[in-house]
C-alpha atoms as a PDB file:
ATOM      1  CA  MET A   1     -36.053 169.014  18.534  1.00  0.00           C
ATOM      2  CA  LYS A   2     -33.828 168.563  21.090  1.00  0.00           C
ATOM      3  CA  PHE A   3     -32.305 165.248  22.135  1.00  0.00           C
ATOM      4  CA  LEU A   4     -30.039 164.042  24.826  1.00  0.00           C
ATOM      5  CA  LEU A   5     -27.052 161.660  23.688  1.00  0.00           C
ATOM      6  CA  VAL A   6     -25.537 159.219  26.367  1.00  0.00           C
ATOM      7  CA  TYR A   7     -21.938 158.589  25.637  1.00  0.00           C
ATOM      8  CA  ARG A   8     -20.944 154.614  26.805  1.00  0.00           C
ATOM      9  CA  GLY A   9     -17.676 153.807  26.052  1.00  0.00           C
ATOM     10  CA  GLY A  10     -16.708 150.211  24.801  1.00  0.00           C
ATOM     11  CA  VAL A  11     -12.589 148.818  25.162  1.00  0.00           C
ATOM     12  CA  VAL A  12     -10.353 150.578  23.422  1.00  0.00           C
ATOM     13  CA  PRO A  13      -7.040 148.664  22.354  1.00  0.00           C
ATOM     14  CA  ASP A  14      -4.051 150.424  24.481  1.00  0.00           C
ATOM     15  CA  ASP A  15      -2.715 150.849  21.132  1.00  0.00           C
ATOM     16  CA  GLN A  16      -5.311 152.413  19.595  1.00  0.00           C
ATOM     17  CA  LEU A  17      -6.205 155.099  22.397  1.00  0.00           C
ATOM     18  CA  ASP A  18      -4.639 158.539  22.057  1.00  0.00           C
ATOM     19  CA  ARG A  19      -5.861 157.760  18.193  1.00  0.00           C
ATOM     20  CA  ASN A  20      -9.522 157.094  19.575  1.00  0.00           C
ATOM     21  CA  VAL A  21      -9.289 160.136  21.999  1.00  0.00           C
ATOM     22  CA  ASN A  22      -8.820 162.561  18.915  1.00  0.00           C
ATOM     23  CA  GLU A  23     -11.042 160.409  16.588  1.00  0.00           C
ATOM     24  CA  LEU A  24     -13.419 161.430  19.546  1.00  0.00           C
ATOM     25  CA  TRP A  25     -12.752 164.633  20.363  1.00  0.00           C
ATOM     26  CA  GLY A  26     -13.134 165.964  16.408  1.00  0.00           C
ATOM     27  CA  TRP A  27     -15.774 163.719  16.075  1.00  0.00           C
ATOM     28  CA  LEU A  28     -18.083 166.110  18.545  1.00  0.00           C
ATOM     29  CA  ASP A  29     -16.376 169.665  17.391  1.00  0.00           C
ATOM     30  CA  ASN A  30     -17.913 168.316  13.480  1.00  0.00           C
ATOM     31  CA  LEU A  31     -20.942 167.754  15.695  1.00  0.00           C
ATOM     32  CA  LYS A  32     -20.728 171.393  17.254  1.00  0.00           C
ATOM     33  CA  GLU A  33     -19.142 173.335  14.268  1.00  0.00           C
ATOM     34  CA  ASN A  34     -22.366 171.491  11.635  1.00  0.00           C
ATOM     35  CA  GLY A  35     -25.108 173.871  14.511  1.00  0.00           C
ATOM     36  CA  TYR A  36     -26.267 170.979  15.439  1.00  0.00           C
ATOM     37  CA  GLU A  37     -24.614 170.180  19.172  1.00  0.00           C
ATOM     38  CA  LYS A  38     -25.717 172.801  21.784  1.00  0.00           C
ATOM     39  CA  VAL A  39     -24.296 171.168  24.938  1.00  0.00           C
ATOM     40  CA  ARG A  40     -21.448 169.046  25.977  1.00  0.00           C
ATOM     41  CA  PHE A  41     -20.675 167.354  29.498  1.00  0.00           C
ATOM     42  CA  ALA A  42     -17.390 165.124  29.520  1.00  0.00           C
ATOM     43  CA  GLY A  43     -14.768 164.654  31.635  1.00  0.00           C
ATOM     44  CA  SER A  44     -13.828 164.742  35.303  1.00  0.00           C
ATOM     45  CA  GLY A  45     -15.868 165.395  38.207  1.00  0.00           C
ATOM     46  CA  ARG A  46     -18.512 162.428  38.092  1.00  0.00           C
ATOM     47  CA  LYS A  47     -20.100 161.413  41.470  1.00  0.00           C
ATOM     48  CA  ILE A  48     -22.460 159.024  41.993  1.00  0.00           C
ATOM     49  CA  ILE A  49     -24.999 160.352  44.888  1.00  0.00           C
ATOM     50  CA  SER A  50     -27.486 158.602  46.917  1.00  0.00           C
ATOM     51  CA  GLN A  51     -29.110 159.170  50.593  1.00  0.00           C
ATOM     52  CA  ASP A  52     -26.156 157.972  52.108  1.00  0.00           C
ATOM     53  CA  SER A  53     -22.854 158.507  50.309  1.00  0.00           C
ATOM     54  CA  ILE A  54     -20.673 160.828  47.746  1.00  0.00           C
ATOM     55  CA  ASN A  55     -19.086 158.104  46.294  1.00  0.00           C
ATOM     56  CA  ASP A  56     -17.074 158.533  42.603  1.00  0.00           C
ATOM     57  CA  TYR A  57     -18.306 157.055  39.409  1.00  0.00           C
ATOM     58  CA  SER A  58     -16.306 154.170  37.945  1.00  0.00           C
ATOM     59  CA  GLY A  59     -19.220 153.016  35.056  1.00  0.00           C
ATOM     60  CA  ASP A  60     -18.660 153.096  31.255  1.00  0.00           C
ATOM     61  CA  LEU A  61     -20.279 156.864  30.725  1.00  0.00           C
ATOM     62  CA  PHE A  62     -17.766 159.266  29.491  1.00  0.00           C
ATOM     63  CA  GLY A  63     -20.011 162.211  28.064  1.00  0.00           C
ATOM     64  CA  VAL A  64     -23.048 163.760  27.311  1.00  0.00           C
ATOM     65  CA  SER A  65     -24.244 165.408  24.633  1.00  0.00           C
ATOM     66  CA  ILE A  66     -27.664 168.133  24.198  1.00  0.00           C
ATOM     67  CA  ILE A  67     -27.990 168.943  20.356  1.00  0.00           C
ATOM     68  CA  GLU A  68     -30.908 170.383  17.924  1.00  0.00           C
ATOM     69  CA  ALA A  69     -31.806 168.314  14.601  1.00  0.00           C
ATOM     70  CA  GLY A  70     -34.675 167.577  12.542  1.00  0.00           C
ATOM     71  CA  SER A  71     -35.417 164.407  13.641  1.00  0.00           C
ATOM     72  CA  LEU A  72     -34.528 161.140  15.439  1.00  0.00           C
ATOM     73  CA  GLU A  73     -33.825 159.800  12.177  1.00  0.00           C
ATOM     74  CA  GLU A  74     -31.525 162.544  11.650  1.00  0.00           C
ATOM     75  CA  VAL A  75     -30.126 161.693  15.192  1.00  0.00           C
ATOM     76  CA  ILE A  76     -29.269 158.101  14.097  1.00  0.00           C
ATOM     77  CA  SER A  77     -28.054 159.376  10.777  1.00  0.00           C
ATOM     78  CA  LEU A  78     -24.951 161.572  12.519  1.00  0.00           C
ATOM     79  CA  THR A  79     -24.511 159.066  15.392  1.00  0.00           C
ATOM     80  CA  SER A  80     -23.410 156.574  12.696  1.00  0.00           C
ATOM     81  CA  ASP A  81     -19.365 156.804  12.496  1.00  0.00           C
ATOM     82  CA  TRP A  82     -18.915 157.633  15.931  1.00  0.00           C
ATOM     83  CA  PRO A  83     -15.277 156.408  16.235  1.00  0.00           C
ATOM     84  CA  GLU A  84     -16.500 154.329  19.557  1.00  0.00           C
ATOM     85  CA  LEU A  85     -18.902 151.969  18.237  1.00  0.00           C
ATOM     86  CA  GLN A  86     -15.822 150.078  16.873  1.00  0.00           C
ATOM     87  CA  TYR A  87     -14.867 149.637  19.993  1.00  0.00           C
ATOM     88  CA  GLY A  88     -17.934 148.236  21.558  1.00  0.00           C
ATOM     89  CA  GLY A  89     -19.251 151.971  22.447  1.00  0.00           C
ATOM     90  CA  ARG A  90     -22.923 153.159  22.034  1.00  0.00           C
ATOM     91  CA  ILE A  91     -24.929 155.844  22.376  1.00  0.00           C
ATOM     92  CA  GLU A  92     -28.547 156.478  23.811  1.00  0.00           C
ATOM     93  CA  ILE A  93     -30.438 158.572  22.208  1.00  0.00           C
ATOM     94  CA  VAL A  94     -33.889 160.377  24.182  1.00  0.00           C
ATOM     95  CA  GLU A  95     -35.958 162.968  22.844  1.00  0.00           C
ATOM     96  CA  ALA A  96     -36.983 165.610  24.963  1.00  0.00           C
ATOM     97  CA  ILE A  97     -40.441 166.382  26.110  1.00  0.00           C
ATOM     98  CA  GLY A  98     -42.273 168.607  24.689  1.00  0.00           C
ATOM     99  CA  ASP A  99     -40.007 170.209  22.379  1.00  0.00           C
END
């Protein structure tokens, strides 16, 4: 089964930023190394497009992954140790239709 994980950032104290970034990349790399993560979108180049304008994105979304797992429950267990949770971050999980 395929799932979309939408990562939304929390509020990380300045003195924890470097550690948090390293933990986040390590967590994502672990998903990939264990065969779960198939596609990752993160970083710059984010835009908001409407009928009238194109603007830079300024929200709290900082990444998206497409993963494969056996069930929604498995995905939930995979996300339980996401480093950003302790700072109020959250992950939205969407199951692919017809997968």
